[in-house]
Amino acid sequence: MKMKPRLTEYLGPGAAAPDPSTLMRFVLAGKTTADLVWEFDYALRNLTGAPMPNEPERWLMPPEGNTGA
């Protein structure tokens, strides 16, 4: 059974799907600057392996020059 996307159901039959930039504007409209900064910081910490806020400082990949000793 193929499920229809919820956006298509909301827009109704025959409605054109919004383009990616319109969807991005919709998502960002409900965010504050602080929300965006936090999400960007969180994503970078996940990518680099840096410690997350309010967690002990444990690095997956230590910063350059830090041998952990």
N, C-alpha and C. Protein backbone atom coordinates (compact mmCIF):
# COMPACT_ATOMS: atom_id res chain seq x y z
N MET A 1 0.84 -1.18 0.00
CA MET A 1 0.00 0.00 0.00
C MET A 1 0.89 1.24 0.00
N LYS A 2 0.68 2.09 -0.97
CA LYS A 2 1.47 3.32 -1.09
C LYS A 2 0.79 4.43 -0.29
N MET A 3 1.57 5.08 0.57
CA MET A 3 1.02 6.17 1.39
C MET A 3 1.28 7.50 0.71
N LYS A 4 0.28 8.37 0.74
CA LYS A 4 0.44 9.71 0.17
C LYS A 4 1.13 10.60 1.19
N PRO A 5 2.00 11.50 0.73
CA PRO A 5 2.61 12.45 1.66
C PRO A 5 1.54 13.35 2.29
N ARG A 6 1.73 13.72 3.51
CA ARG A 6 0.76 14.55 4.22
C ARG A 6 0.60 15.92 3.59
N LEU A 7 1.68 16.46 3.05
CA LEU A 7 1.59 17.78 2.43
C LEU A 7 0.64 17.75 1.24
N THR A 8 0.71 16.70 0.45
CA THR A 8 -0.19 16.56 -0.69
C THR A 8 -1.64 16.48 -0.23
N GLU A 9 -1.87 15.74 0.86
CA GLU A 9 -3.23 15.65 1.40
C GLU A 9 -3.72 17.02 1.86
N TYR A 10 -2.86 17.78 2.50
CA TYR A 10 -3.23 19.09 3.01
C TYR A 10 -3.54 20.07 1.87
N LEU A 11 -2.71 20.04 0.83
CA LEU A 11 -2.89 20.96 -0.29
C LEU A 11 -4.08 20.60 -1.16
N GLY A 12 -4.46 19.34 -1.15
CA GLY A 12 -5.60 18.90 -1.95
C GLY A 12 -5.18 18.34 -3.28
N PRO A 13 -6.10 17.62 -3.92
CA PRO A 13 -5.76 16.98 -5.20
C PRO A 13 -5.51 18.01 -6.30
N GLY A 14 -4.49 17.75 -7.08
CA GLY A 14 -4.17 18.63 -8.20
C GLY A 14 -3.37 19.86 -7.85
N ALA A 15 -3.13 20.11 -6.59
CA ALA A 15 -2.36 21.29 -6.19
C ALA A 15 -0.88 21.05 -6.47
N ALA A 16 -0.22 22.08 -6.92
CA ALA A 16 1.22 21.98 -7.19
C ALA A 16 1.98 21.96 -5.87
N ALA A 17 2.96 21.10 -5.77
CA ALA A 17 3.79 21.03 -4.57
C ALA A 17 4.67 22.27 -4.51
N PRO A 18 4.89 22.81 -3.31
CA PRO A 18 5.76 23.99 -3.19
C PRO A 18 7.21 23.63 -3.52
N ASP A 19 7.93 24.59 -4.04
CA ASP A 19 9.34 24.35 -4.36
C ASP A 19 10.17 24.35 -3.07
N PRO A 20 11.39 23.83 -3.11
CA PRO A 20 12.22 23.73 -1.90
C PRO A 20 12.44 25.06 -1.17
N SER A 21 12.61 26.17 -1.91
CA SER A 21 12.85 27.45 -1.23
C SER A 21 11.61 27.91 -0.46
N THR A 22 10.42 27.62 -0.98
CA THR A 22 9.20 27.96 -0.26
C THR A 22 9.07 27.13 1.01
N LEU A 23 9.40 25.85 0.91
CA LEU A 23 9.37 25.00 2.10
C LEU A 23 10.36 25.49 3.16
N MET A 24 11.55 25.90 2.71
CA MET A 24 12.56 26.40 3.65
C MET A 24 12.08 27.67 4.33
N ARG A 25 11.44 28.56 3.59
CA ARG A 25 10.89 29.79 4.20
C ARG A 25 9.85 29.45 5.24
N PHE A 26 9.01 28.48 4.94
CA PHE A 26 7.97 28.05 5.88
C PHE A 26 8.60 27.50 7.16
N VAL A 27 9.62 26.67 7.03
CA VAL A 27 10.28 26.09 8.20
C VAL A 27 10.97 27.17 9.03
N LEU A 28 11.64 28.10 8.37
CA LEU A 28 12.38 29.14 9.09
C LEU A 28 11.48 30.21 9.69
N ALA A 29 10.27 30.36 9.20
CA ALA A 29 9.37 31.41 9.68
C ALA A 29 9.05 31.24 11.16
N GLY A 30 9.04 30.02 11.65
CA GLY A 30 8.70 29.78 13.06
C GLY A 30 9.90 29.75 13.98
N LYS A 31 11.08 30.11 13.49
CA LYS A 31 12.31 30.03 14.28
C LYS A 31 12.80 31.42 14.68
N THR A 32 13.39 31.48 15.86
CA THR A 32 14.06 32.71 16.27
C THR A 32 15.53 32.59 15.89
N THR A 33 16.24 33.68 15.96
CA THR A 33 17.67 33.65 15.68
C THR A 33 18.38 32.71 16.63
N ALA A 34 17.99 32.72 17.90
CA ALA A 34 18.61 31.84 18.89
C ALA A 34 18.37 30.37 18.54
N ASP A 35 17.16 30.04 18.06
CA ASP A 35 16.87 28.67 17.65
C ASP A 35 17.79 28.23 16.52
N LEU A 36 17.96 29.10 15.53
CA LEU A 36 18.80 28.77 14.38
C LEU A 36 20.26 28.60 14.78
N VAL A 37 20.75 29.48 15.65
CA VAL A 37 22.14 29.38 16.12
C VAL A 37 22.34 28.08 16.87
N TRP A 38 21.38 27.71 17.74
CA TRP A 38 21.50 26.48 18.51
C TRP A 38 21.52 25.27 17.58
N GLU A 39 20.64 25.24 16.59
CA GLU A 39 20.58 24.10 15.67
C GLU A 39 21.85 24.00 14.83
N PHE A 40 22.38 25.14 14.39
CA PHE A 40 23.62 25.14 13.61
C PHE A 40 24.78 24.64 14.47
N ASP A 41 24.86 25.13 15.72
CA ASP A 41 25.90 24.69 16.65
C ASP A 41 25.79 23.19 16.91
N TYR A 42 24.56 22.71 17.13
CA TYR A 42 24.33 21.30 17.40
C TYR A 42 24.78 20.44 16.21
N ALA A 43 24.43 20.87 15.00
CA ALA A 43 24.82 20.13 13.80
C ALA A 43 26.34 20.09 13.65
N LEU A 44 27.01 21.22 13.87
CA LEU A 44 28.48 21.25 13.75
C LEU A 44 29.14 20.37 14.81
N ARG A 45 28.60 20.39 16.02
CA ARG A 45 29.17 19.53 17.07
C ARG A 45 29.00 18.06 16.71
N ASN A 46 27.86 17.69 16.12
CA ASN A 46 27.66 16.31 15.69
C ASN A 46 28.64 15.93 14.60
N LEU A 47 28.87 16.83 13.65
CA LEU A 47 29.78 16.54 12.54
C LEU A 47 31.23 16.42 12.98
N THR A 48 31.63 17.27 13.92
CA THR A 48 33.04 17.28 14.33
C THR A 48 33.33 16.38 15.51
N GLY A 49 32.29 15.91 16.19
CA GLY A 49 32.50 15.07 17.36
C GLY A 49 32.79 15.87 18.61
N ALA A 50 32.55 17.17 18.57
CA ALA A 50 32.79 18.03 19.73
C ALA A 50 31.77 17.72 20.82
N PRO A 51 32.11 18.00 22.08
CA PRO A 51 31.17 17.75 23.16
C PRO A 51 29.90 18.59 23.01
N MET A 52 28.79 18.04 23.39
CA MET A 52 27.52 18.75 23.35
C MET A 52 27.40 19.62 24.59
N PRO A 53 26.62 20.70 24.51
CA PRO A 53 26.41 21.53 25.69
C PRO A 53 25.82 20.70 26.84
N ASN A 54 26.20 21.04 28.04
CA ASN A 54 25.72 20.37 29.26
C ASN A 54 26.11 18.90 29.33
N GLU A 55 27.17 18.52 28.66
CA GLU A 55 27.70 17.16 28.75
C GLU A 55 29.17 17.25 29.11
N PRO A 56 29.71 16.19 29.70
CA PRO A 56 31.16 16.19 29.99
C PRO A 56 31.95 16.35 28.70
N GLU A 57 33.11 16.94 28.80
CA GLU A 57 33.91 17.18 27.61
C GLU A 57 34.60 15.90 27.17
N ARG A 58 33.97 15.22 26.25
CA ARG A 58 34.52 14.00 25.64
C ARG A 58 34.54 14.22 24.14
N TRP A 59 35.71 14.16 23.56
CA TRP A 59 35.85 14.37 22.12
C TRP A 59 36.01 13.03 21.42
N LEU A 60 35.36 12.87 20.27
CA LEU A 60 35.61 11.70 19.44
C LEU A 60 36.91 11.87 18.69
N MET A 61 37.15 13.10 18.23
CA MET A 61 38.38 13.43 17.55
C MET A 61 38.94 14.68 18.24
N PRO A 62 40.00 14.55 19.05
CA PRO A 62 40.51 15.70 19.77
C PRO A 62 40.92 16.83 18.81
N PRO A 63 40.77 18.08 19.24
CA PRO A 63 41.21 19.20 18.41
C PRO A 63 42.70 19.09 18.09
N GLU A 64 43.10 19.74 17.02
CA GLU A 64 44.51 19.73 16.60
C GLU A 64 45.42 20.09 17.77
N GLY A 65 46.47 19.33 17.94
CA GLY A 65 47.46 19.64 18.97
C GLY A 65 47.08 19.16 20.36
N ASN A 66 45.89 18.65 20.56
CA ASN A 66 45.47 18.16 21.86
C ASN A 66 45.59 16.65 21.87
N THR A 67 46.56 16.15 22.63
CA THR A 67 46.79 14.71 22.68
C THR A 67 45.97 14.04 23.77
N GLY A 68 45.27 14.83 24.58
CA GLY A 68 44.45 14.26 25.64
C GLY A 68 45.26 13.92 26.89
N ALA A 69 46.57 14.21 26.87
CA ALA A 69 47.41 13.90 28.02
C ALA A 69 47.44 15.03 29.01
